[in-house]
C-alpha atoms as a PDB file:
ATOM      1  CA  MET A   1     -20.791 -11.714  36.106  1.00  0.00           C
ATOM      2  CA  ALA A   2     -19.594  -8.181  36.785  1.00  0.00           C
ATOM      3  CA  THR A   3     -20.586  -5.426  34.383  1.00  0.00           C
ATOM      4  CA  ILE A   4     -18.953  -2.268  33.166  1.00  0.00           C
ATOM      5  CA  TYR A   5     -21.548  -0.308  35.123  1.00  0.00           C
ATOM      6  CA  GLN A   6     -20.422  -1.947  38.381  1.00  0.00           C
ATOM      7  CA  VAL A   7     -16.812  -1.079  37.575  1.00  0.00           C
ATOM      8  CA  SER A   8     -17.840   2.542  37.044  1.00  0.00           C
ATOM      9  CA  GLU A   9     -19.682   2.649  40.366  1.00  0.00           C
ATOM     10  CA  MET A  10     -16.925   0.996  42.409  1.00  0.00           C
ATOM     11  CA  ALA A  11     -14.173   3.178  40.904  1.00  0.00           C
ATOM     12  CA  GLY A  12     -16.269   6.303  41.410  1.00  0.00           C
ATOM     13  CA  VAL A  13     -15.818   7.429  37.827  1.00  0.00           C
ATOM     14  CA  SER A  14     -18.072   7.907  34.838  1.00  0.00           C
ATOM     15  CA  LEU A  15     -18.859   5.214  32.312  1.00  0.00           C
ATOM     16  CA  SER A  16     -16.961   7.185  29.679  1.00  0.00           C
ATOM     17  CA  THR A  17     -13.845   7.161  31.887  1.00  0.00           C
ATOM     18  CA  VAL A  18     -14.030   3.367  32.229  1.00  0.00           C
ATOM     19  CA  SER A  19     -14.430   3.304  28.449  1.00  0.00           C
ATOM     20  CA  ARG A  20     -11.246   5.302  27.979  1.00  0.00           C
ATOM     21  CA  VAL A  21      -9.335   2.928  30.255  1.00  0.00           C
ATOM     22  CA  LEU A  22     -10.705  -0.107  28.409  1.00  0.00           C
ATOM     23  CA  ASN A  23      -9.593   1.396  25.115  1.00  0.00           C
ATOM     24  CA  ASP A  24      -6.196   2.487  26.450  1.00  0.00           C
ATOM     25  CA  ASN A  25      -6.888   6.168  25.810  1.00  0.00           C
ATOM     26  CA  ASP A  26      -3.924   8.412  26.566  1.00  0.00           C
ATOM     27  CA  TYR A  27      -6.071  11.115  28.162  1.00  0.00           C
ATOM     28  CA  VAL A  28      -6.748   9.181  31.386  1.00  0.00           C
ATOM     29  CA  SER A  29      -4.508  10.034  34.348  1.00  0.00           C
ATOM     30  CA  LYS A  30      -2.410   7.273  35.888  1.00  0.00           C
ATOM     31  CA  LYS A  31      -4.253   7.694  39.202  1.00  0.00           C
ATOM     32  CA  THR A  32      -7.676   7.288  37.606  1.00  0.00           C
ATOM     33  CA  LYS A  33      -6.525   4.394  35.445  1.00  0.00           C
ATOM     34  CA  LYS A  34      -5.222   2.627  38.559  1.00  0.00           C
ATOM     35  CA  LYS A  35      -8.598   3.045  40.345  1.00  0.00           C
ATOM     36  CA  VAL A  36     -10.461   1.568  37.377  1.00  0.00           C
ATOM     37  CA  LEU A  37      -8.074  -1.349  36.981  1.00  0.00           C
ATOM     38  CA  GLU A  38      -8.281  -2.136  40.710  1.00  0.00           C
ATOM     39  CA  ALA A  39     -12.092  -2.119  40.534  1.00  0.00           C
ATOM     40  CA  MET A  40     -11.980  -4.452  37.541  1.00  0.00           C
ATOM     41  CA  LYS A  41      -9.663  -6.802  39.403  1.00  0.00           C
ATOM     42  CA  GLU A  42     -11.751  -6.823  42.586  1.00  0.00           C
ATOM     43  CA  LEU A  43     -14.951  -7.480  40.655  1.00  0.00           C
ATOM     44  CA  GLY A  44     -13.299 -10.029  38.384  1.00  0.00           C
ATOM     45  CA  TYR A  45     -14.475  -8.029  35.403  1.00  0.00           C
ATOM     46  CA  GLN A  46     -13.334  -9.308  31.984  1.00  0.00           C
ATOM     47  CA  PRO A  47     -14.170  -6.803  29.245  1.00  0.00           C
ATOM     48  CA  SER A  48     -15.416  -8.287  26.003  1.00  0.00           C
ATOM     49  CA  SER A  49     -14.994  -6.654  22.618  1.00  0.00           C
ATOM     50  CA  ILE A  50     -18.736  -5.946  22.676  1.00  0.00           C
ATOM     51  CA  ALA A  51     -18.412  -4.202  26.019  1.00  0.00           C
ATOM     52  CA  ARG A  52     -15.539  -2.098  24.724  1.00  0.00           C
ATOM     53  CA  SER A  53     -17.628  -1.170  21.715  1.00  0.00           C
ATOM     54  CA  LEU A  54     -20.698  -0.263  23.744  1.00  0.00           C
ATOM     55  CA  ALA A  55     -18.634   1.729  26.197  1.00  0.00           C
ATOM     56  CA  SER A  56     -16.759   3.763  23.647  1.00  0.00           C
ATOM     57  CA  SER A  57     -19.207   3.965  20.724  1.00  0.00           C
ATOM     58  CA  THR A  58     -16.509   2.290  18.657  1.00  0.00           C
ATOM     59  CA  THR A  59     -16.083  -1.269  17.441  1.00  0.00           C
ATOM     60  CA  ASN A  60     -12.280  -1.277  17.665  1.00  0.00           C
ATOM     61  CA  SER A  61     -12.296  -2.664  14.138  1.00  0.00           C
ATOM     62  CA  VAL A  62     -10.785  -1.104  11.035  1.00  0.00           C
ATOM     63  CA  GLY A  63     -11.765  -2.078   7.522  1.00  0.00           C
ATOM     64  CA  ILE A  64      -9.112  -2.735   4.889  1.00  0.00           C
ATOM     65  CA  LEU A  65     -10.179  -2.649   1.254  1.00  0.00           C
ATOM     66  CA  VAL A  66      -7.457  -3.870  -1.095  1.00  0.00           C
ATOM     67  CA  SER A  67      -7.232  -4.507  -4.809  1.00  0.00           C
ATOM     68  CA  GLU A  68      -6.199  -8.152  -4.408  1.00  0.00           C
ATOM     69  CA  LEU A  69      -5.570 -10.622  -1.601  1.00  0.00           C
ATOM     70  CA  ASP A  70      -2.662 -12.364  -3.316  1.00  0.00           C
ATOM     71  CA  GLY A  71       0.770 -11.182  -4.358  1.00  0.00           C
ATOM     72  CA  PRO A  72       3.718  -9.922  -2.319  1.00  0.00           C
ATOM     73  CA  PHE A  73       2.784  -6.237  -2.610  1.00  0.00           C
ATOM     74  CA  PHE A  74      -0.630  -6.565  -0.980  1.00  0.00           C
ATOM     75  CA  GLY A  75       0.614  -9.157   1.486  1.00  0.00           C
ATOM     76  CA  GLN A  76       3.215  -6.717   2.792  1.00  0.00           C
ATOM     77  CA  MET A  77       0.683  -3.908   2.973  1.00  0.00           C
ATOM     78  CA  MET A  78      -2.021  -5.844   4.812  1.00  0.00           C
ATOM     79  CA  SER A  79       0.473  -7.401   7.201  1.00  0.00           C
ATOM     80  CA  ALA A  80       1.988  -4.038   8.163  1.00  0.00           C
ATOM     81  CA  ILE A  81      -1.412  -2.425   8.785  1.00  0.00           C
ATOM     82  CA  GLU A  82      -2.805  -5.395  10.729  1.00  0.00           C
ATOM     83  CA  GLU A  83       0.262  -5.812  12.923  1.00  0.00           C
ATOM     84  CA  HIS A  84       0.432  -2.125  13.822  1.00  0.00           C
ATOM     85  CA  LEU A  85      -3.270  -1.945  14.673  1.00  0.00           C
ATOM     86  CA  ARG A  86      -3.214  -5.215  16.621  1.00  0.00           C
ATOM     87  CA  ILE A  87      -0.461  -3.873  18.876  1.00  0.00           C
ATOM     88  CA  ALA A  88      -2.858  -1.012  19.659  1.00  0.00           C
ATOM     89  CA  GLY A  89      -5.651  -3.476  20.472  1.00  0.00           C
ATOM     90  CA  LYS A  90      -7.583  -3.056  17.224  1.00  0.00           C
ATOM     91  CA  HIS A  91      -8.784  -5.675  14.763  1.00  0.00           C
ATOM     92  CA  VAL A  92      -9.111  -5.559  10.991  1.00  0.00           C
ATOM     93  CA  ILE A  93     -11.754  -6.730   8.546  1.00  0.00           C
ATOM     94  CA  ILE A  94     -10.365  -7.258   5.050  1.00  0.00           C
ATOM     95  CA  THR A  95     -12.197  -7.420   1.732  1.00  0.00           C
ATOM     96  CA  PRO A  96     -10.933  -7.198  -1.881  1.00  0.00           C
ATOM     97  CA  GLY A  97     -12.117  -4.849  -4.607  1.00  0.00           C
ATOM     98  CA  HIS A  98     -10.308  -6.559  -7.519  1.00  0.00           C
ATOM     99  CA  SER A  99      -9.664  -3.207  -9.249  1.00  0.00           C
ATOM    100  CA  ASP A 100     -13.283  -3.192 -10.393  1.00  0.00           C
ATOM    101  CA  GLU A 101     -15.509  -0.165  -9.787  1.00  0.00           C
ATOM    102  CA  LYS A 102     -18.611  -2.113  -8.741  1.00  0.00           C
ATOM    103  CA  LYS A 103     -16.635  -4.465  -6.504  1.00  0.00           C
ATOM    104  CA  GLU A 104     -14.758  -1.601  -4.866  1.00  0.00           C
ATOM    105  CA  LYS A 105     -18.015   0.218  -4.121  1.00  0.00           C
ATOM    106  CA  SER A 106     -19.483  -3.021  -2.797  1.00  0.00           C
ATOM    107  CA  GLY A 107     -16.419  -3.422  -0.590  1.00  0.00           C
ATOM    108  CA  PHE A 108     -16.879   0.037   0.900  1.00  0.00           C
ATOM    109  CA  GLU A 109     -20.569  -0.700   1.547  1.00  0.00           C
ATOM    110  CA  PHE A 110     -19.695  -4.006   3.200  1.00  0.00           C
ATOM    111  CA  LEU A 111     -17.151  -2.444   5.582  1.00  0.00           C
ATOM    112  CA  ILE A 112     -19.405   0.508   6.419  1.00  0.00           C
ATOM    113  CA  GLY A 113     -22.190  -1.970   7.124  1.00  0.00           C
ATOM    114  CA  ARG A 114     -19.910  -3.792   9.564  1.00  0.00           C
ATOM    115  CA  ASN A 115     -19.607  -0.532  11.549  1.00  0.00           C
ATOM    116  CA  CYS A 116     -15.863  -0.257  11.113  1.00  0.00           C
ATOM    117  CA  ASP A 117     -14.456   2.769  12.911  1.00  0.00           C
ATOM    118  CA  ALA A 118     -12.482   3.668   9.785  1.00  0.00           C
ATOM    119  CA  ILE A 119     -11.534   2.211   6.419  1.00  0.00           C
ATOM    120  CA  ILE A 120      -8.046   2.050   4.917  1.00  0.00           C
ATOM    121  CA  ALA A 121      -8.458   1.574   1.180  1.00  0.00           C
ATOM    122  CA  HIS A 122      -6.156   0.705  -1.701  1.00  0.00           C
ATOM    123  CA  VAL A 123      -8.580   1.275  -4.572  1.00  0.00           C
ATOM    124  CA  GLU A 124      -7.916   1.926  -8.228  1.00  0.00           C
ATOM    125  CA  ALA A 125     -11.197   1.873 -10.165  1.00  0.00           C
ATOM    126  CA  VAL A 126     -13.489   4.266  -8.283  1.00  0.00           C
ATOM    127  CA  SER A 127     -13.203   7.945  -9.170  1.00  0.00           C
ATOM    128  CA  ASN A 128     -11.755  10.737  -7.056  1.00  0.00           C
ATOM    129  CA  GLU A 129     -15.213  12.305  -6.995  1.00  0.00           C
ATOM    130  CA  TYR A 130     -16.670   9.139  -5.468  1.00  0.00           C
ATOM    131  CA  LEU A 131     -13.969   9.061  -2.786  1.00  0.00           C
ATOM    132  CA  ILE A 132     -14.452  12.742  -1.957  1.00  0.00           C
ATOM    133  CA  GLU A 133     -18.196  12.230  -1.553  1.00  0.00           C
ATOM    134  CA  LEU A 134     -17.714   9.034   0.457  1.00  0.00           C
ATOM    135  CA  SER A 135     -15.345  10.817   2.827  1.00  0.00           C
ATOM    136  CA  LYS A 136     -18.197  13.128   3.846  1.00  0.00           C
ATOM    137  CA  GLY A 137     -20.020  10.186   5.425  1.00  0.00           C
ATOM    138  CA  LYS A 138     -19.847   8.961   9.015  1.00  0.00           C
ATOM    139  CA  THR A 139     -17.062   6.434   8.381  1.00  0.00           C
ATOM    140  CA  PRO A 140     -13.625   8.048   7.880  1.00  0.00           C
ATOM    141  CA  ILE A 141     -11.807   6.897   4.738  1.00  0.00           C
ATOM    142  CA  TYR A 142      -8.003   6.737   4.421  1.00  0.00           C
ATOM    143  CA  LEU A 143      -6.288   6.052   1.103  1.00  0.00           C
ATOM    144  CA  MET A 144      -3.170   3.963   0.489  1.00  0.00           C
ATOM    145  CA  SER A 145      -0.958   4.584  -2.563  1.00  0.00           C
ATOM    146  CA  ARG A 146      -3.310   7.240  -3.880  1.00  0.00           C
ATOM    147  CA  TYR A 147      -3.379  11.028  -3.676  1.00  0.00           C
ATOM    148  CA  VAL A 148      -6.612  13.013  -3.854  1.00  0.00           C
ATOM    149  CA  LYS A 149      -5.986  16.700  -3.283  1.00  0.00           C
ATOM    150  CA  GLU A 150      -9.372  17.453  -1.701  1.00  0.00           C
ATOM    151  CA  ILE A 151      -8.769  14.850   1.039  1.00  0.00           C
ATOM    152  CA  GLU A 152      -4.969  14.910   1.050  1.00  0.00           C
ATOM    153  CA  GLU A 153      -4.756  14.724   4.860  1.00  0.00           C
ATOM    154  CA  ASN A 154      -6.278  11.242   4.590  1.00  0.00           C
ATOM    155  CA  CYS A 155      -3.864  10.030   1.901  1.00  0.00           C
ATOM    156  CA  ILE A 156      -0.659   8.003   2.124  1.00  0.00           C
ATOM    157  CA  SER A 157       1.099   7.972  -1.230  1.00  0.00           C
ATOM    158  CA  LEU A 158       4.335   7.376  -3.112  1.00  0.00           C
ATOM    159  CA  ASP A 159       5.896   9.757  -5.629  1.00  0.00           C
ATOM    160  CA  ASN A 160       5.432   7.336  -8.527  1.00  0.00           C
ATOM    161  CA  VAL A 161       6.491   9.870 -11.154  1.00  0.00           C
ATOM    162  CA  MET A 162       9.879  10.088  -9.457  1.00  0.00           C
ATOM    163  CA  GLY A 163      10.023   6.304  -9.231  1.00  0.00           C
ATOM    164  CA  GLY A 164       9.412   5.894 -12.939  1.00  0.00           C
ATOM    165  CA  TYR A 165      12.002   8.568 -13.635  1.00  0.00           C
ATOM    166  CA  LEU A 166      14.634   6.880 -11.448  1.00  0.00           C
ATOM    167  CA  ALA A 167      14.119   3.494 -13.120  1.00  0.00           C
ATOM    168  CA  THR A 168      14.651   4.768 -16.650  1.00  0.00           C
ATOM    169  CA  LYS A 169      17.431   7.143 -15.641  1.00  0.00           C
ATOM    170  CA  ALA A 170      19.269   4.181 -14.118  1.00  0.00           C
ATOM    171  CA  MET A 171      19.184   2.383 -17.466  1.00  0.00           C
ATOM    172  CA  ILE A 172      20.373   5.486 -19.316  1.00  0.00           C
ATOM    173  CA  ASN A 173      23.223   5.947 -16.852  1.00  0.00           C
ATOM    174  CA  LYS A 174      24.245   2.347 -17.514  1.00  0.00           C
ATOM    175  CA  GLY A 175      24.703   3.308 -21.186  1.00  0.00           C
ATOM    176  CA  HIS A 176      21.386   2.135 -22.668  1.00  0.00           C
ATOM    177  CA  LYS A 177      19.484   4.033 -25.344  1.00  0.00           C
ATOM    178  CA  ASN A 178      17.193   1.370 -26.771  1.00  0.00           C
ATOM    179  CA  ILE A 179      14.942   1.011 -23.757  1.00  0.00           C
ATOM    180  CA  ALA A 180      11.593  -0.782 -23.862  1.00  0.00           C
ATOM    181  CA  TYR A 181       8.899  -0.131 -21.280  1.00  0.00           C
ATOM    182  CA  ILE A 182       6.192  -2.464 -19.937  1.00  0.00           C
ATOM    183  CA  ALA A 183       3.600  -0.343 -18.164  1.00  0.00           C
ATOM    184  CA  GLY A 184       0.825  -1.293 -15.780  1.00  0.00           C
ATOM    185  CA  PRO A 185      -2.866  -0.757 -16.655  1.00  0.00           C
ATOM    186  CA  GLN A 186      -3.199   2.932 -17.375  1.00  0.00           C
ATOM    187  CA  PHE A 187      -6.477   3.419 -15.490  1.00  0.00           C
ATOM    188  CA  LYS A 188      -4.398   2.841 -12.357  1.00  0.00           C
ATOM    189  CA  GLU A 189      -2.912   6.067 -11.056  1.00  0.00           C
ATOM    190  CA  ASP A 190       0.390   4.551  -9.935  1.00  0.00           C
ATOM    191  CA  ALA A 191       0.899   2.945 -13.355  1.00  0.00           C
ATOM    192  CA  SER A 192       0.165   6.128 -15.297  1.00  0.00           C
ATOM    193  CA  ASN A 193       2.437   8.184 -13.033  1.00  0.00           C
ATOM    194  CA  ARG A 194       5.314   5.729 -13.419  1.00  0.00           C
ATOM    195  CA  LEU A 195       4.937   6.038 -17.187  1.00  0.00           C
ATOM    196  CA  LYS A 196       5.104   9.838 -16.852  1.00  0.00           C
ATOM    197  CA  GLY A 197       8.378   9.466 -14.993  1.00  0.00           C
ATOM    198  CA  HIS A 198       9.740   7.159 -17.704  1.00  0.00           C
ATOM    199  CA  LYS A 199       8.922   9.738 -20.360  1.00  0.00           C
ATOM    200  CA  GLN A 200      10.474  12.525 -18.283  1.00  0.00           C
ATOM    201  CA  ALA A 201      13.768  10.645 -18.046  1.00  0.00           C
ATOM    202  CA  LEU A 202      13.828   9.983 -21.796  1.00  0.00           C
ATOM    203  CA  ALA A 203      13.142  13.639 -22.556  1.00  0.00           C
ATOM    204  CA  GLU A 204      15.834  14.822 -20.135  1.00  0.00           C
ATOM    205  CA  TYR A 205      18.438  12.789 -22.047  1.00  0.00           C
ATOM    206  CA  ASN A 206      17.060  13.718 -25.487  1.00  0.00           C
ATOM    207  CA  LEU A 207      15.725  10.224 -26.166  1.00  0.00           C
ATOM    208  CA  THR A 208      12.451   9.885 -28.056  1.00  0.00           C
ATOM    209  CA  PHE A 209       9.564   7.930 -26.591  1.00  0.00           C
ATOM    210  CA  ASP A 210       8.894   5.188 -29.153  1.00  0.00           C
ATOM    211  CA  GLU A 211       5.446   3.580 -29.203  1.00  0.00           C
ATOM    212  CA  ASN A 212       7.076   0.458 -30.681  1.00  0.00           C
ATOM    213  CA  LEU A 213       9.016   0.074 -27.435  1.00  0.00           C
ATOM    214  CA  PHE A 214       5.922   0.420 -25.263  1.00  0.00           C
ATOM    215  CA  TYR A 215       3.547  -2.262 -24.003  1.00  0.00           C
ATOM    216  CA  ILE A 216       0.734  -2.152 -21.441  1.00  0.00           C
ATOM    217  CA  GLY A 217       0.817  -5.151 -19.128  1.00  0.00           C
ATOM    218  CA  ASP A 218      -1.335  -6.311 -16.227  1.00  0.00           C
ATOM    219  CA  PHE A 219       0.975  -5.852 -13.217  1.00  0.00           C
ATOM    220  CA  LYS A 220       1.327  -9.665 -13.087  1.00  0.00           C
ATOM    221  CA  GLU A 221       3.993 -12.073 -14.361  1.00  0.00           C
ATOM    222  CA  THR A 222       1.945 -12.620 -17.508  1.00  0.00           C
ATOM    223  CA  GLY A 223       2.267  -8.921 -18.343  1.00  0.00           C
ATOM    224  CA  GLY A 224       6.043  -9.210 -18.347  1.00  0.00           C
ATOM    225  CA  SER A 225       6.195 -12.371 -20.452  1.00  0.00           C
ATOM    226  CA  ASP A 226       3.557 -11.095 -22.892  1.00  0.00           C
ATOM    227  CA  GLY A 227       5.330  -7.763 -23.179  1.00  0.00           C
ATOM    228  CA  LEU A 228       8.721  -9.224 -23.961  1.00  0.00           C
ATOM    229  CA  ARG A 229       7.120 -11.639 -26.437  1.00  0.00           C
ATOM    230  CA  HIS A 230       5.519  -8.630 -28.141  1.00  0.00           C
ATOM    231  CA  PHE A 231       8.862  -6.863 -28.497  1.00  0.00           C
ATOM    232  CA  ILE A 232      10.606  -9.984 -29.825  1.00  0.00           C
ATOM    233  CA  GLN A 233       7.865 -10.725 -32.345  1.00  0.00           C
ATOM    234  CA  ASN A 234       8.050  -7.137 -33.588  1.00  0.00           C
ATOM    235  CA  LYS A 235      11.840  -7.394 -33.858  1.00  0.00           C
ATOM    236  CA  ALA A 236      12.427  -4.508 -31.462  1.00  0.00           C
ATOM    237  CA  GLN A 237      16.130  -3.858 -31.044  1.00  0.00           C
ATOM    238  CA  ILE A 238      16.407  -3.340 -27.302  1.00  0.00           C
ATOM    239  CA  THR A 239      19.166  -3.696 -24.757  1.00  0.00           C
ATOM    240  CA  ALA A 240      17.160  -2.691 -21.682  1.00  0.00           C
ATOM    241  CA  LEU A 241      13.681  -3.336 -20.343  1.00  0.00           C
ATOM    242  CA  VAL A 242      11.949  -1.216 -17.699  1.00  0.00           C
ATOM    243  CA  CYS A 243       8.969  -2.881 -16.018  1.00  0.00           C
ATOM    244  CA  ALA A 244       6.429  -0.957 -13.957  1.00  0.00           C
ATOM    245  CA  ASN A 245       6.461  -3.561 -11.184  1.00  0.00           C
ATOM    246  CA  ASP A 246       8.539  -6.505 -10.006  1.00  0.00           C
ATOM    247  CA  GLU A 247       6.035  -9.203 -10.913  1.00  0.00           C
ATOM    248  CA  MET A 248       6.116  -8.191 -14.571  1.00  0.00           C
ATOM    249  CA  ALA A 249       9.913  -7.975 -14.410  1.00  0.00           C
ATOM    250  CA  SER A 250      10.100 -11.536 -13.072  1.00  0.00           C
ATOM    251  CA  GLY A 251       7.780 -12.715 -15.851  1.00  0.00           C
ATOM    252  CA  ALA A 252       9.983 -11.027 -18.450  1.00  0.00           C
ATOM    253  CA  MET A 253      13.117 -12.603 -16.951  1.00  0.00           C
ATOM    254  CA  LYS A 254      11.586 -16.074 -17.078  1.00  0.00           C
ATOM    255  CA  TYR A 255      10.461 -15.631 -20.700  1.00  0.00           C
ATOM    256  CA  ALA A 256      13.876 -14.254 -21.686  1.00  0.00           C
ATOM    257  CA  ARG A 257      15.741 -17.245 -20.255  1.00  0.00           C
ATOM    258  CA  GLU A 258      13.303 -19.679 -21.884  1.00  0.00           C
ATOM    259  CA  HIS A 259      14.019 -18.043 -25.243  1.00  0.00           C
ATOM    260  CA  GLY A 260      17.776 -18.104 -25.174  1.00  0.00           C
ATOM    261  CA  PHE A 261      18.656 -14.767 -23.585  1.00  0.00           C
ATOM    262  CA  ASN A 262      21.801 -14.647 -21.499  1.00  0.00           C
ATOM    263  CA  LEU A 263      20.769 -12.426 -18.612  1.00  0.00           C
ATOM    264  CA  PRO A 264      21.853  -9.797 -17.872  1.00  0.00           C
ATOM    265  CA  LYS A 265      24.351  -9.667 -20.758  1.00  0.00           C
ATOM    266  CA  ASP A 266      21.750  -9.735 -23.524  1.00  0.00           C
ATOM    267  CA  LEU A 267      19.067  -7.717 -21.739  1.00  0.00           C
ATOM    268  CA  ALA A 268      19.145  -5.504 -18.672  1.00  0.00           C
ATOM    269  CA  ILE A 269      15.906  -5.519 -16.669  1.00  0.00           C
ATOM    270  CA  ILE A 270      14.618  -3.312 -13.859  1.00  0.00           C
ATOM    271  CA  GLY A 271      11.428  -3.639 -11.826  1.00  0.00           C
ATOM    272  CA  PHE A 272       9.499  -1.514  -9.352  1.00  0.00           C
ATOM    273  CA  ASP A 273       8.360  -2.105  -5.723  1.00  0.00           C
ATOM    274  CA  ASN A 274      11.297  -4.064  -4.252  1.00  0.00           C
ATOM    275  CA  VAL A 275       9.098  -6.941  -3.090  1.00  0.00           C
ATOM    276  CA  ILE A 276      10.724  -9.723  -1.120  1.00  0.00           C
ATOM    277  CA  PHE A 277      11.519 -12.094  -4.010  1.00  0.00           C
ATOM    278  CA  THR A 278      13.585  -9.578  -6.016  1.00  0.00           C
ATOM    279  CA  ASN A 279      16.755 -10.404  -4.105  1.00  0.00           C
ATOM    280  CA  TYR A 280      16.302 -14.126  -4.858  1.00  0.00           C
ATOM    281  CA  LEU A 281      15.835 -13.959  -8.622  1.00  0.00           C
ATOM    282  CA  TYR A 282      18.732 -14.783 -10.938  1.00  0.00           C
ATOM    283  CA  PRO A 283      20.192 -12.383 -11.651  1.00  0.00           C
ATOM    284  CA  THR A 284      19.076 -10.428  -8.596  1.00  0.00           C
ATOM    285  CA  LEU A 285      16.665  -7.743  -9.754  1.00  0.00           C
ATOM    286  CA  THR A 286      17.465  -4.048  -9.786  1.00  0.00           C
ATOM    287  CA  THR A 287      14.314  -2.263  -8.720  1.00  0.00           C
ATOM    288  CA  ILE A 288      12.734   0.847  -7.236  1.00  0.00           C
ATOM    289  CA  ASP A 289      11.983   0.600  -3.533  1.00  0.00           C
ATOM    290  CA  ASN A 290       8.334   1.229  -2.723  1.00  0.00           C
ATOM    291  CA  PRO A 291       8.260   1.306   1.104  1.00  0.00           C
ATOM    292  CA  VAL A 292       4.919  -0.489   1.391  1.00  0.00           C
ATOM    293  CA  PRO A 293       5.302  -1.709   4.997  1.00  0.00           C
ATOM    294  CA  GLU A 294       6.274   1.773   6.160  1.00  0.00           C
ATOM    295  CA  MET A 295       3.343   3.280   4.275  1.00  0.00           C
ATOM    296  CA  GLY A 296       0.990   0.698   5.777  1.00  0.00           C
ATOM    297  CA  ARG A 297       2.140   1.633   9.273  1.00  0.00           C
ATOM    298  CA  ALA A 298       1.645   5.309   8.402  1.00  0.00           C
ATOM    299  CA  ALA A 299      -1.959   4.607   7.367  1.00  0.00           C
ATOM    300  CA  ALA A 300      -2.526   2.707  10.619  1.00  0.00           C
ATOM    301  CA  ASN A 301      -1.035   5.615  12.556  1.00  0.00           C
ATOM    302  CA  LEU A 302      -3.423   8.021  10.854  1.00  0.00           C
ATOM    303  CA  VAL A 303      -6.329   5.954  12.124  1.00  0.00           C
ATOM    304  CA  LEU A 304      -4.870   5.666  15.632  1.00  0.00           C
ATOM    305  CA  LYS A 305      -4.279   9.420  15.776  1.00  0.00           C
ATOM    306  CA  ASP A 306      -7.544  10.611  14.227  1.00  0.00           C
ATOM    307  CA  ILE A 307     -10.046   7.987  15.350  1.00  0.00           C
ATOM    308  CA  TYR A 308      -8.664   6.592  18.585  1.00  0.00           C
ATOM    309  CA  LYS A 309      -7.024   9.863  19.694  1.00  0.00           C
ATOM    310  CA  LYS A 310      -3.601   8.363  20.362  1.00  0.00           C
ATOM    311  CA  SER A 311      -1.155  11.118  21.235  1.00  0.00           C
ATOM    312  CA  GLY A 312       2.447  11.618  20.186  1.00  0.00           C
ATOM    313  CA  ILE A 313       1.921  10.321  16.658  1.00  0.00           C
ATOM    314  CA  THR A 314       3.320  12.113  13.628  1.00  0.00           C
ATOM    315  CA  VAL A 315       2.414  10.842  10.178  1.00  0.00           C
ATOM    316  CA  LYS A 316       4.347  11.081   6.930  1.00  0.00           C
ATOM    317  CA  HIS A 317       1.948  11.395   4.002  1.00  0.00           C
ATOM    318  CA  VAL A 318       4.161  11.294   0.891  1.00  0.00           C
ATOM    319  CA  PHE A 319       6.999   8.787   0.534  1.00  0.00           C
ATOM    320  CA  GLN A 320       9.953   8.923  -1.837  1.00  0.00           C
ATOM    321  CA  PRO A 321      11.122   5.970  -3.957  1.00  0.00           C
ATOM    322  CA  LYS A 322      14.734   4.807  -3.972  1.00  0.00           C
ATOM    323  CA  LEU A 323      16.834   3.004  -6.586  1.00  0.00           C
ATOM    324  CA  ILE A 324      18.065  -0.440  -5.471  1.00  0.00           C
ATOM    325  CA  LEU A 325      20.906  -1.517  -7.753  1.00  0.00           C
ATOM    326  CA  ARG A 326      21.469  -5.258  -8.177  1.00  0.00           C
ATOM    327  CA  ASP A 327      22.868  -7.634 -10.799  1.00  0.00           C
ATOM    328  CA  SER A 328      20.193  -7.404 -13.493  1.00  0.00           C
ATOM    329  CA  THR A 329      21.469  -4.023 -14.783  1.00  0.00           C
ATOM    330  CA  PRO A 330      25.203  -4.151 -15.491  1.00  0.00           C
ATOM    331  CA  ASP A 331      27.007  -1.389 -17.351  1.00  0.00           C
ATOM    332  CA  ILE A 332      27.186  -1.808 -21.138  1.00  0.00           C
ATOM    333  CA  ASN A 333      30.655  -3.031 -22.051  1.00  0.00           C
END
């Protein structure tokens, strides 16, 4: 069986040049690439992933650390990253952190131990200080949906304050004043920033933030149903409900219908994220678009540009949310 060393000798190039050809590096001339490929063909050389790794001092694998493995949000994110990296000849290793500090740290240790060339992480429990310190190590760390100023060039994030603002402003513009809010867990940066945006919109229109119209959910359907139950049991007089993500909004819609609400006439509801099922709910759900697939591709591009030295790549670091109006938020008659 031919070896990479024989390819190098026959092509008359260095081992590192063969490595660059194997890893599709843009810095190899067409003439040199042709010589290497012809030598590989003549020798019948079939490069293995191990050979590519040994030749380039990389493993061609990227770690992905996510909060959860289920749910449409994380499915979209992982799929976008994996697909974009696979096109470039890279593979991913995925592990969950379950929004738990110890599990997230364990996930980082696992991926570093697997010699991943880089790690793309959607983490919520570990501190900024931990991430800053971790980024000083040998394995580059890139963050999804999180902004840390000290390592901002390695961050891909959404303006969640603006997203929260747009959601509540949409309800106000529809004529609502009695607006309840179901937030996500407040230790999560995206959830706390969306709440800030909600409060900003209320203040801009001289509406008071009422603790009786506020509930902290879990970013799952149960958070939406539990939140709406809380408001009903406390006899909150509301005409609109803003949910900090689409899963909670869908849970609230289901609970509302089961308890005699005529949607959207009796209660207008808006979500956040614009996951795939929002257009199939009844009524179709007004939401805030969180461009997760685009952000996932941006994170993959960061890795391709920084780690694998792919040229011609520009990366957008901060994304803007967009209001998606559908049937769940009609104007007040």
